Amino acid sequence: MKPNDISLITLSTRIRDERKSQGLSQTELADLAGVSLNFVSQLESAKSTVRIDKVLQVLSTLGLELHIRYGKMGISQ
């Protein structure tokens, strides 16, 4: 596993956990975020080819923020 894979898995897990904590299905999140169900599924599965603009739409819908720090990726709690 590459270091970037760990960050993607962390992001995917955080998104899935937040979706579930808000009581949303993948379909509901996709509709609210304006993305496809397939995209949400791939995002939560840590598929490495997801589009960042759509990732940001999903994060915004869930009330999450992505913070970029020099050399590290952090996810706001």
N, C-alpha and C. Protein backbone atom coordinates (compact mmCIF):
# COMPACT_ATOMS: atom_id res chain seq x y z
N MET A 1 0.84 -1.18 0.00
CA MET A 1 0.00 0.00 0.00
C MET A 1 0.89 1.25 0.00
N LYS A 2 0.60 2.17 -0.91
CA LYS A 2 1.37 3.41 -1.01
C LYS A 2 0.86 4.42 0.02
N PRO A 3 1.70 5.39 0.44
CA PRO A 3 1.26 6.40 1.41
C PRO A 3 0.00 7.15 0.98
N ASN A 4 -0.14 7.47 -0.31
CA ASN A 4 -1.34 8.16 -0.79
C ASN A 4 -2.59 7.31 -0.63
N ASP A 5 -2.44 5.99 -0.72
CA ASP A 5 -3.57 5.09 -0.56
C ASP A 5 -4.15 5.20 0.85
N ILE A 6 -3.29 5.35 1.84
CA ILE A 6 -3.75 5.48 3.23
C ILE A 6 -4.61 6.72 3.38
N SER A 7 -4.20 7.83 2.81
CA SER A 7 -4.97 9.06 2.89
C SER A 7 -6.32 8.92 2.20
N LEU A 8 -6.35 8.26 1.06
CA LEU A 8 -7.60 8.06 0.34
C LEU A 8 -8.54 7.16 1.14
N ILE A 9 -7.99 6.14 1.77
CA ILE A 9 -8.81 5.26 2.61
C ILE A 9 -9.36 6.04 3.80
N THR A 10 -8.54 6.89 4.41
CA THR A 10 -9.00 7.71 5.53
C THR A 10 -10.13 8.63 5.09
N LEU A 11 -9.97 9.28 3.95
CA LEU A 11 -11.00 10.18 3.43
C LEU A 11 -12.28 9.40 3.14
N SER A 12 -12.16 8.29 2.48
CA SER A 12 -13.32 7.47 2.13
C SER A 12 -14.07 7.00 3.37
N THR A 13 -13.32 6.56 4.35
CA THR A 13 -13.93 6.10 5.61
C THR A 13 -14.65 7.23 6.31
N ARG A 14 -14.04 8.41 6.35
CA ARG A 14 -14.65 9.57 7.01
C ARG A 14 -15.95 9.97 6.31
N ILE A 15 -15.94 9.95 4.99
CA ILE A 15 -17.15 10.28 4.23
C ILE A 15 -18.25 9.27 4.51
N ARG A 16 -17.93 7.99 4.45
CA ARG A 16 -18.94 6.95 4.72
C ARG A 16 -19.49 7.07 6.14
N ASP A 17 -18.60 7.27 7.11
CA ASP A 17 -19.04 7.39 8.51
C ASP A 17 -19.95 8.60 8.71
N GLU A 18 -19.60 9.73 8.08
CA GLU A 18 -20.42 10.94 8.22
C GLU A 18 -21.77 10.76 7.53
N ARG A 19 -21.77 10.14 6.38
CA ARG A 19 -23.03 9.88 5.67
C ARG A 19 -23.96 9.06 6.55
N LYS A 20 -23.42 8.00 7.12
CA LYS A 20 -24.22 7.13 7.98
C LYS A 20 -24.68 7.85 9.24
N SER A 21 -23.82 8.68 9.82
CA SER A 21 -24.20 9.40 11.05
C SER A 21 -25.32 10.39 10.77
N GLN A 22 -25.42 10.86 9.53
CA GLN A 22 -26.50 11.77 9.15
C GLN A 22 -27.73 11.01 8.67
N GLY A 23 -27.66 9.69 8.70
CA GLY A 23 -28.80 8.87 8.32
C GLY A 23 -29.12 8.88 6.84
N LEU A 24 -28.11 9.13 6.03
CA LEU A 24 -28.30 9.19 4.58
C LEU A 24 -27.88 7.89 3.92
N SER A 25 -28.65 7.47 2.92
CA SER A 25 -28.21 6.36 2.07
C SER A 25 -27.25 6.92 1.04
N GLN A 26 -26.55 6.04 0.35
CA GLN A 26 -25.67 6.50 -0.73
C GLN A 26 -26.48 7.22 -1.80
N THR A 27 -27.66 6.72 -2.09
CA THR A 27 -28.52 7.35 -3.10
C THR A 27 -28.93 8.75 -2.68
N GLU A 28 -29.31 8.92 -1.42
CA GLU A 28 -29.71 10.24 -0.92
C GLU A 28 -28.55 11.22 -0.98
N LEU A 29 -27.36 10.77 -0.57
CA LEU A 29 -26.18 11.65 -0.63
C LEU A 29 -25.88 12.03 -2.07
N ALA A 30 -25.95 11.09 -2.96
CA ALA A 30 -25.68 11.37 -4.37
C ALA A 30 -26.64 12.43 -4.90
N ASP A 31 -27.92 12.28 -4.58
CA ASP A 31 -28.92 13.25 -5.02
C ASP A 31 -28.65 14.64 -4.44
N LEU A 32 -28.36 14.70 -3.15
CA LEU A 32 -28.11 15.99 -2.50
C LEU A 32 -26.84 16.67 -3.03
N ALA A 33 -25.81 15.87 -3.31
CA ALA A 33 -24.53 16.41 -3.77
C ALA A 33 -24.49 16.65 -5.28
N GLY A 34 -25.49 16.15 -6.00
CA GLY A 34 -25.50 16.33 -7.45
C GLY A 34 -24.48 15.47 -8.17
N VAL A 35 -24.23 14.28 -7.61
CA VAL A 35 -23.32 13.33 -8.24
C VAL A 35 -24.07 12.01 -8.41
N SER A 36 -23.47 11.08 -9.11
CA SER A 36 -24.14 9.80 -9.35
C SER A 36 -23.95 8.86 -8.14
N LEU A 37 -24.87 7.91 -8.03
CA LEU A 37 -24.75 6.87 -7.01
C LEU A 37 -23.44 6.10 -7.21
N ASN A 38 -23.09 5.83 -8.45
CA ASN A 38 -21.85 5.13 -8.76
C ASN A 38 -20.64 5.90 -8.22
N PHE A 39 -20.67 7.23 -8.34
CA PHE A 39 -19.56 8.03 -7.84
C PHE A 39 -19.43 7.89 -6.33
N VAL A 40 -20.55 8.01 -5.60
CA VAL A 40 -20.51 7.88 -4.14
C VAL A 40 -19.98 6.51 -3.75
N SER A 41 -20.43 5.48 -4.43
CA SER A 41 -19.97 4.13 -4.16
C SER A 41 -18.46 4.01 -4.37
N GLN A 42 -17.97 4.55 -5.48
CA GLN A 42 -16.53 4.49 -5.77
C GLN A 42 -15.74 5.31 -4.75
N LEU A 43 -16.27 6.45 -4.37
CA LEU A 43 -15.60 7.30 -3.38
C LEU A 43 -15.48 6.59 -2.05
N GLU A 44 -16.56 5.98 -1.60
CA GLU A 44 -16.53 5.26 -0.32
C GLU A 44 -15.70 3.98 -0.39
N SER A 45 -15.43 3.51 -1.60
CA SER A 45 -14.58 2.33 -1.79
C SER A 45 -13.11 2.71 -2.01
N ALA A 46 -12.82 4.00 -1.91
CA ALA A 46 -11.45 4.53 -2.05
C ALA A 46 -10.87 4.30 -3.45
N LYS A 47 -11.74 4.37 -4.46
CA LYS A 47 -11.23 4.27 -5.83
C LYS A 47 -10.38 5.50 -6.13
N SER A 48 -9.19 5.28 -6.61
CA SER A 48 -8.22 6.37 -6.74
C SER A 48 -8.44 7.28 -7.95
N THR A 49 -9.43 6.99 -8.77
CA THR A 49 -9.63 7.82 -9.96
C THR A 49 -10.82 8.76 -9.84
N VAL A 50 -11.33 8.97 -8.63
CA VAL A 50 -12.46 9.88 -8.46
C VAL A 50 -12.04 11.31 -8.74
N ARG A 51 -12.97 12.12 -9.24
CA ARG A 51 -12.70 13.52 -9.59
C ARG A 51 -12.77 14.39 -8.35
N ILE A 52 -11.76 15.22 -8.15
CA ILE A 52 -11.68 16.06 -6.95
C ILE A 52 -12.83 17.05 -6.86
N ASP A 53 -13.31 17.57 -7.99
CA ASP A 53 -14.43 18.52 -7.92
C ASP A 53 -15.68 17.85 -7.36
N LYS A 54 -15.89 16.60 -7.72
CA LYS A 54 -17.03 15.88 -7.19
C LYS A 54 -16.82 15.47 -5.74
N VAL A 55 -15.58 15.15 -5.38
CA VAL A 55 -15.26 14.85 -3.98
C VAL A 55 -15.60 16.07 -3.12
N LEU A 56 -15.22 17.25 -3.59
CA LEU A 56 -15.49 18.48 -2.85
C LEU A 56 -16.99 18.74 -2.73
N GLN A 57 -17.78 18.39 -3.76
CA GLN A 57 -19.23 18.53 -3.69
C GLN A 57 -19.79 17.65 -2.59
N VAL A 58 -19.31 16.41 -2.51
CA VAL A 58 -19.79 15.47 -1.49
C VAL A 58 -19.40 15.97 -0.10
N LEU A 59 -18.15 16.40 0.05
CA LEU A 59 -17.70 16.92 1.34
C LEU A 59 -18.55 18.10 1.79
N SER A 60 -18.80 19.02 0.88
CA SER A 60 -19.60 20.20 1.19
C SER A 60 -21.02 19.80 1.60
N THR A 61 -21.60 18.85 0.91
CA THR A 61 -22.94 18.38 1.24
C THR A 61 -23.01 17.81 2.65
N LEU A 62 -21.94 17.13 3.06
CA LEU A 62 -21.90 16.53 4.39
C LEU A 62 -21.43 17.51 5.46
N GLY A 63 -21.06 18.72 5.05
CA GLY A 63 -20.57 19.70 6.02
C GLY A 63 -19.14 19.44 6.46
N LEU A 64 -18.38 18.75 5.61
CA LEU A 64 -16.97 18.46 5.90
C LEU A 64 -16.08 19.39 5.09
N GLU A 65 -14.87 19.58 5.56
CA GLU A 65 -13.88 20.39 4.86
C GLU A 65 -12.61 19.59 4.67
N LEU A 66 -11.98 19.79 3.54
CA LEU A 66 -10.69 19.17 3.26
C LEU A 66 -9.62 20.22 3.47
N HIS A 67 -8.66 19.92 4.31
CA HIS A 67 -7.56 20.86 4.58
C HIS A 67 -6.27 20.27 4.00
N ILE A 68 -5.58 21.07 3.25
CA ILE A 68 -4.31 20.64 2.67
C ILE A 68 -3.19 21.33 3.42
N ARG A 69 -2.27 20.55 3.92
CA ARG A 69 -1.09 21.08 4.60
C ARG A 69 0.14 20.59 3.85
N TYR A 70 1.17 21.36 3.88
CA TYR A 70 2.39 20.99 3.20
C TYR A 70 2.82 19.59 3.64
N GLY A 71 2.80 18.67 2.70
CA GLY A 71 3.25 17.31 2.98
C GLY A 71 2.24 16.39 3.65
N LYS A 72 1.08 16.93 4.03
CA LYS A 72 0.09 16.09 4.72
C LYS A 72 -1.30 16.45 4.27
N MET A 73 -2.22 15.50 4.41
CA MET A 73 -3.63 15.77 4.15
C MET A 73 -4.36 15.58 5.46
N GLY A 74 -5.19 16.54 5.82
CA GLY A 74 -5.97 16.41 7.03
C GLY A 74 -7.45 16.52 6.71
N ILE A 75 -8.24 15.86 7.53
CA ILE A 75 -9.68 15.90 7.37
C ILE A 75 -10.25 16.47 8.65
N SER A 76 -11.01 17.55 8.53
CA SER A 76 -11.62 18.17 9.69
C SER A 76 -12.61 17.23 10.34
N GLN A 77 -12.65 17.25 11.62
CA GLN A 77 -13.60 16.41 12.37
C GLN A 77 -14.86 17.16 12.63
